[in-house]
Amino acid sequence: MLYFRGCVVRDKLPHIGEATGKILDKAHLDYHILENEGCCGSFLLRTGFTDEALEIMKRNLEDFKNEKIVVSCAGCFNTLKNDYKELLGEELDVVHTSQLFRDLINKGTLKPKKIPLTICYHDPCHLGRHCGEYQAPRDVLDSITVLVEMEKIKENSRCCGAGGGVKSAYPPIAEKLASNRLKDFQDTDADFMITSCSFCLLNLKDACEKLNNEQCKASKVKDLSEILLEALKD
């Protein structure tokens, strides 16, 4: 099994990779990472650099073929699952961590305990609208916390504002969109907002820091792997 961390996890949010690795270890799964892991091609595709993306994607196939690939990032998942098939004709065996975690819990391989927290879940566009996966992360959260829903969820969820190059090209717009989503979170009175996309996590955390609001601290926005790892601690 190949654990593909993705650019944002690898370079900006390494704690997600560390938490995921610890969970895979607890499940006694045999996995490896790429020593010279590159980009999946998602960012280039979303910002119009299709030729450059295709070059990277073709090079990646040498590492991806004959592998079961686990990814933390919803953008990586959408790219490996859909774009490699559509643009290169290659159907990769790829699973998002939320799906893998749910399956491991259902099989009894992972036995997390309930933790006394109220959680809401933010649906990433790439995992939800692009790949149709809304339930797996909720199943994981249901098994370990009290899950409450924000006003806009699933196919009607607000975007975090980071995708499509918006965070890089139009930072004020990305910040405003993230702030709107954080207002949805605050309205629930939940202890934490959980997501399963590194881009969403990064943008929501950045917006929290800009708001400078006691009710909205960056520490209140977490990746699914972080909360699951907490529930797996002895």
Protein backbone atom coordinates (compact mmCIF):
# COMPACT_ATOMS: atom_id res chain seq x y z
CA MET A 1 0.00 0.00 0.00
CA LEU A 2 1.28 3.46 -0.95
CA TYR A 3 0.42 6.39 1.30
CA PHE A 4 0.50 9.46 -0.95
CA ARG A 5 0.58 12.50 1.31
CA GLY A 6 0.18 15.27 -1.26
CA CYS A 7 1.92 18.64 -1.53
CA VAL A 8 0.01 20.52 1.17
CA VAL A 9 0.26 17.75 3.75
CA ARG A 10 3.91 17.12 2.97
CA ASP A 11 5.03 20.75 2.95
CA LYS A 12 2.56 22.70 5.10
CA LEU A 13 0.55 20.32 7.28
CA PRO A 14 2.92 17.45 8.12
CA HIS A 15 0.97 16.64 11.29
CA ILE A 16 -1.76 15.14 9.08
CA GLY A 17 0.74 12.74 7.55
CA GLU A 18 2.11 11.88 11.00
CA ALA A 19 -1.38 11.22 12.42
CA THR A 20 -2.33 9.11 9.41
CA GLY A 21 0.89 7.10 9.66
CA LYS A 22 0.20 6.37 13.33
CA ILE A 23 -3.33 5.19 12.49
CA LEU A 24 -2.04 2.91 9.73
CA ASP A 25 0.52 1.54 12.18
CA LYS A 26 -2.19 0.87 14.77
CA ALA A 27 -4.10 -1.05 12.09
CA HIS A 28 -0.90 -3.06 11.34
CA LEU A 29 -1.07 -2.15 7.66
CA ASP A 30 1.99 -2.60 5.48
CA TYR A 31 2.47 0.72 3.69
CA HIS A 32 5.22 2.91 2.31
CA ILE A 33 5.71 6.48 1.12
CA LEU A 34 7.64 7.77 -1.87
CA GLU A 35 11.07 9.16 -1.03
CA ASN A 36 10.81 11.70 -3.85
CA GLU A 37 7.07 12.26 -3.76
CA GLY A 38 5.94 14.91 -6.24
CA CYS A 39 2.66 16.64 -7.01
CA CYS A 40 -0.35 14.65 -8.22
CA GLY A 41 -1.06 17.36 -10.82
CA SER A 42 -4.26 18.70 -9.29
CA PHE A 43 -3.22 22.31 -8.78
CA LEU A 44 -1.88 22.64 -12.32
CA LEU A 45 -5.07 21.15 -13.75
CA ARG A 46 -7.35 23.45 -11.76
CA THR A 47 -5.41 26.55 -12.79
CA GLY A 48 -5.31 25.79 -16.51
CA PHE A 49 -1.79 24.36 -16.93
CA THR A 50 -3.03 21.16 -18.52
CA ASP A 51 0.09 20.29 -20.53
CA GLU A 52 2.35 20.71 -17.51
CA ALA A 53 -0.04 18.66 -15.40
CA LEU A 54 -0.08 15.84 -17.93
CA GLU A 55 3.72 15.65 -17.90
CA ILE A 56 3.71 15.22 -14.13
CA MET A 57 0.83 12.74 -14.20
CA LYS A 58 2.55 10.56 -16.81
CA ARG A 59 5.72 10.45 -14.70
CA ASN A 60 3.69 9.55 -11.63
CA LEU A 61 2.19 6.50 -13.32
CA GLU A 62 5.49 4.65 -12.91
CA ASP A 63 5.08 4.92 -9.13
CA PHE A 64 1.28 4.47 -9.03
CA LYS A 65 0.73 1.40 -11.19
CA ASN A 66 0.06 -1.85 -9.30
CA GLU A 67 -0.31 0.09 -6.04
CA LYS A 68 -3.25 0.52 -3.72
CA ILE A 69 -2.99 4.25 -3.03
CA VAL A 70 -4.23 5.93 0.14
CA VAL A 71 -4.54 9.73 0.11
CA SER A 72 -5.30 12.31 2.80
CA CYS A 73 -6.08 15.20 0.47
CA ALA A 74 -9.48 15.39 -1.22
CA GLY A 75 -7.90 17.17 -4.20
CA CYS A 76 -5.39 14.36 -4.67
CA PHE A 77 -8.21 11.82 -4.37
CA ASN A 78 -10.31 13.50 -7.06
CA THR A 79 -7.30 13.82 -9.37
CA LEU A 80 -6.07 10.24 -8.97
CA LYS A 81 -9.56 8.76 -9.11
CA ASN A 82 -11.07 10.81 -11.93
CA ASP A 83 -8.53 12.86 -13.87
CA TYR A 84 -5.99 10.09 -14.40
CA LYS A 85 -8.78 7.97 -15.84
CA GLU A 86 -10.28 10.72 -17.99
CA LEU A 87 -7.03 12.21 -19.30
CA LEU A 88 -4.68 9.22 -19.34
CA GLY A 89 -7.07 6.28 -19.47
CA GLU A 90 -5.54 4.87 -16.26
CA GLU A 91 -7.89 3.60 -13.57
CA LEU A 92 -5.93 3.76 -10.33
CA ASP A 93 -6.74 1.82 -7.17
CA VAL A 94 -7.14 4.80 -4.84
CA VAL A 95 -8.96 5.26 -1.55
CA HIS A 96 -9.39 8.35 0.61
CA THR A 97 -8.36 8.08 4.25
CA SER A 98 -11.94 8.68 5.40
CA GLN A 99 -13.06 5.59 3.45
CA LEU A 100 -10.18 3.48 4.71
CA PHE A 101 -10.72 4.56 8.33
CA ARG A 102 -14.43 3.72 8.14
CA ASP A 103 -13.72 0.28 6.70
CA LEU A 104 -11.09 -0.46 9.35
CA ILE A 105 -13.52 0.56 12.12
CA ASN A 106 -16.36 -1.49 10.62
CA LYS A 107 -14.10 -4.56 10.43
CA GLY A 108 -12.97 -4.10 14.03
CA THR A 109 -9.35 -3.61 12.97
CA LEU A 110 -9.47 -0.20 14.61
CA LYS A 111 -11.37 0.09 17.87
CA PRO A 112 -11.63 3.76 18.79
CA LYS A 113 -13.27 4.89 21.99
CA LYS A 114 -15.96 7.55 22.27
CA ILE A 115 -14.61 10.93 23.22
CA PRO A 116 -16.83 13.59 24.86
CA LEU A 117 -16.79 16.14 22.05
CA THR A 118 -19.40 17.67 19.79
CA ILE A 119 -18.16 17.86 16.21
CA CYS A 120 -19.36 19.32 12.93
CA TYR A 121 -18.03 18.25 9.55
CA HIS A 122 -17.12 20.42 6.57
CA ASP A 123 -17.60 18.71 3.20
CA PRO A 124 -14.67 19.37 0.83
CA CYS A 125 -15.76 20.08 -2.76
CA HIS A 126 -13.31 17.55 -4.22
CA LEU A 127 -14.42 14.69 -1.98
CA GLY A 128 -18.13 15.53 -1.98
CA ARG A 129 -19.36 17.22 -5.13
CA HIS A 130 -16.63 15.74 -7.38
CA CYS A 131 -16.46 12.20 -5.97
CA GLY A 132 -19.83 11.79 -4.25
CA GLU A 133 -18.33 10.82 -0.89
CA TYR A 134 -20.28 12.41 1.94
CA GLN A 135 -20.91 9.52 4.31
CA ALA A 136 -17.55 7.90 5.12
CA PRO A 137 -16.16 10.77 7.21
CA ARG A 138 -19.50 11.15 8.97
CA ASP A 139 -19.53 7.44 9.81
CA VAL A 140 -16.08 7.78 11.38
CA LEU A 141 -17.14 10.82 13.39
CA ASP A 142 -20.41 9.19 14.45
CA SER A 143 -18.45 6.30 15.90
CA ILE A 144 -16.25 8.46 18.12
CA THR A 145 -18.05 11.77 18.83
CA VAL A 146 -21.42 13.51 18.83
CA LEU A 147 -21.86 14.75 15.26
CA VAL A 148 -23.96 17.86 14.65
CA GLU A 149 -24.55 19.36 11.24
CA MET A 150 -24.06 22.89 10.01
CA GLU A 151 -26.80 24.61 8.03
CA LYS A 152 -25.28 23.94 4.62
CA ILE A 153 -23.89 20.43 4.11
CA LYS A 154 -23.17 17.74 1.52
CA GLU A 155 -23.99 18.84 -2.05
CA ASN A 156 -25.19 22.21 -0.69
CA SER A 157 -22.10 22.80 1.45
CA ARG A 158 -20.31 26.12 1.24
CA CYS A 159 -16.87 25.94 -0.39
CA CYS A 160 -13.98 26.76 1.96
CA GLY A 161 -12.64 29.18 -0.66
CA ALA A 162 -9.27 27.58 -1.34
CA GLY A 163 -9.90 25.56 -4.50
CA GLY A 164 -9.30 26.35 -8.15
CA GLY A 165 -6.32 28.56 -7.40
CA VAL A 166 -8.50 31.12 -5.58
CA LYS A 167 -6.36 31.10 -2.43
CA SER A 168 -3.24 31.88 -4.49
CA ALA A 169 -4.75 34.36 -6.95
CA TYR A 170 -7.44 36.04 -4.87
CA PRO A 171 -6.57 35.73 -1.15
CA PRO A 172 -9.24 38.19 0.08
CA ILE A 173 -11.98 36.19 -1.65
CA ALA A 174 -10.63 32.92 -0.21
CA GLU A 175 -10.55 34.50 3.24
CA LYS A 176 -14.11 35.82 2.95
CA LEU A 177 -15.49 32.46 1.82
CA ALA A 178 -13.69 30.70 4.66
CA SER A 179 -15.03 33.25 7.15
CA ASN A 180 -18.58 32.51 5.97
CA ARG A 181 -18.02 28.82 6.57
CA LEU A 182 -16.55 29.48 10.00
CA LYS A 183 -19.72 31.43 10.90
CA ASP A 184 -21.70 28.25 10.09
CA PHE A 185 -19.39 26.37 12.46
CA GLN A 186 -19.79 28.90 15.27
CA ASP A 187 -23.58 28.76 14.94
CA THR A 188 -23.52 25.05 15.89
CA ASP A 189 -21.64 25.58 19.19
CA ALA A 190 -19.61 22.48 18.31
CA ASP A 191 -16.23 21.96 19.95
CA PHE A 192 -14.39 21.41 16.68
CA MET A 193 -14.87 21.57 12.93
CA ILE A 194 -13.45 18.51 11.16
CA THR A 195 -12.65 18.25 7.48
CA SER A 196 -10.88 15.74 5.26
CA CYS A 197 -9.08 18.00 2.80
CA SER A 198 -5.72 19.62 3.39
CA PHE A 199 -6.60 22.69 1.29
CA CYS A 200 -9.81 23.23 3.27
CA LEU A 201 -7.94 22.79 6.54
CA LEU A 202 -5.22 25.25 5.59
CA ASN A 203 -7.63 27.94 4.40
CA LEU A 204 -10.02 27.59 7.34
CA LYS A 205 -7.14 27.74 9.83
CA ASP A 206 -5.72 30.83 8.12
CA ALA A 207 -9.13 32.53 8.25
CA CYS A 208 -9.45 31.70 11.94
CA GLU A 209 -6.16 33.44 12.66
CA LYS A 210 -7.23 36.52 10.68
CA LEU A 211 -10.55 36.75 12.54
CA ASN A 212 -8.76 36.92 15.90
CA ASN A 213 -11.95 35.66 17.54
CA GLU A 214 -11.96 33.74 20.82
CA GLN A 215 -14.78 31.57 19.49
CA CYS A 216 -12.80 30.74 16.37
CA LYS A 217 -9.24 29.59 16.97
CA ALA A 218 -7.18 27.73 14.40
CA SER A 219 -6.87 24.87 16.88
CA LYS A 220 -10.61 24.29 16.58
CA VAL A 221 -10.29 23.17 12.94
CA LYS A 222 -8.82 19.70 12.54
CA ASP A 223 -8.32 16.92 10.04
CA LEU A 224 -10.27 13.69 10.42
CA SER A 225 -7.04 11.80 11.11
CA GLU A 226 -6.28 13.98 14.14
CA ILE A 227 -9.59 13.36 15.90
CA LEU A 228 -9.53 9.64 15.10
CA LEU A 229 -6.01 9.30 16.46
CA GLU A 230 -7.19 10.95 19.68
CA ALA A 231 -9.94 8.33 19.98
CA LEU A 232 -7.40 5.53 19.46
CA LYS A 233 -5.09 6.59 22.27
CA ASP A 234 -4.83 4.19 25.19
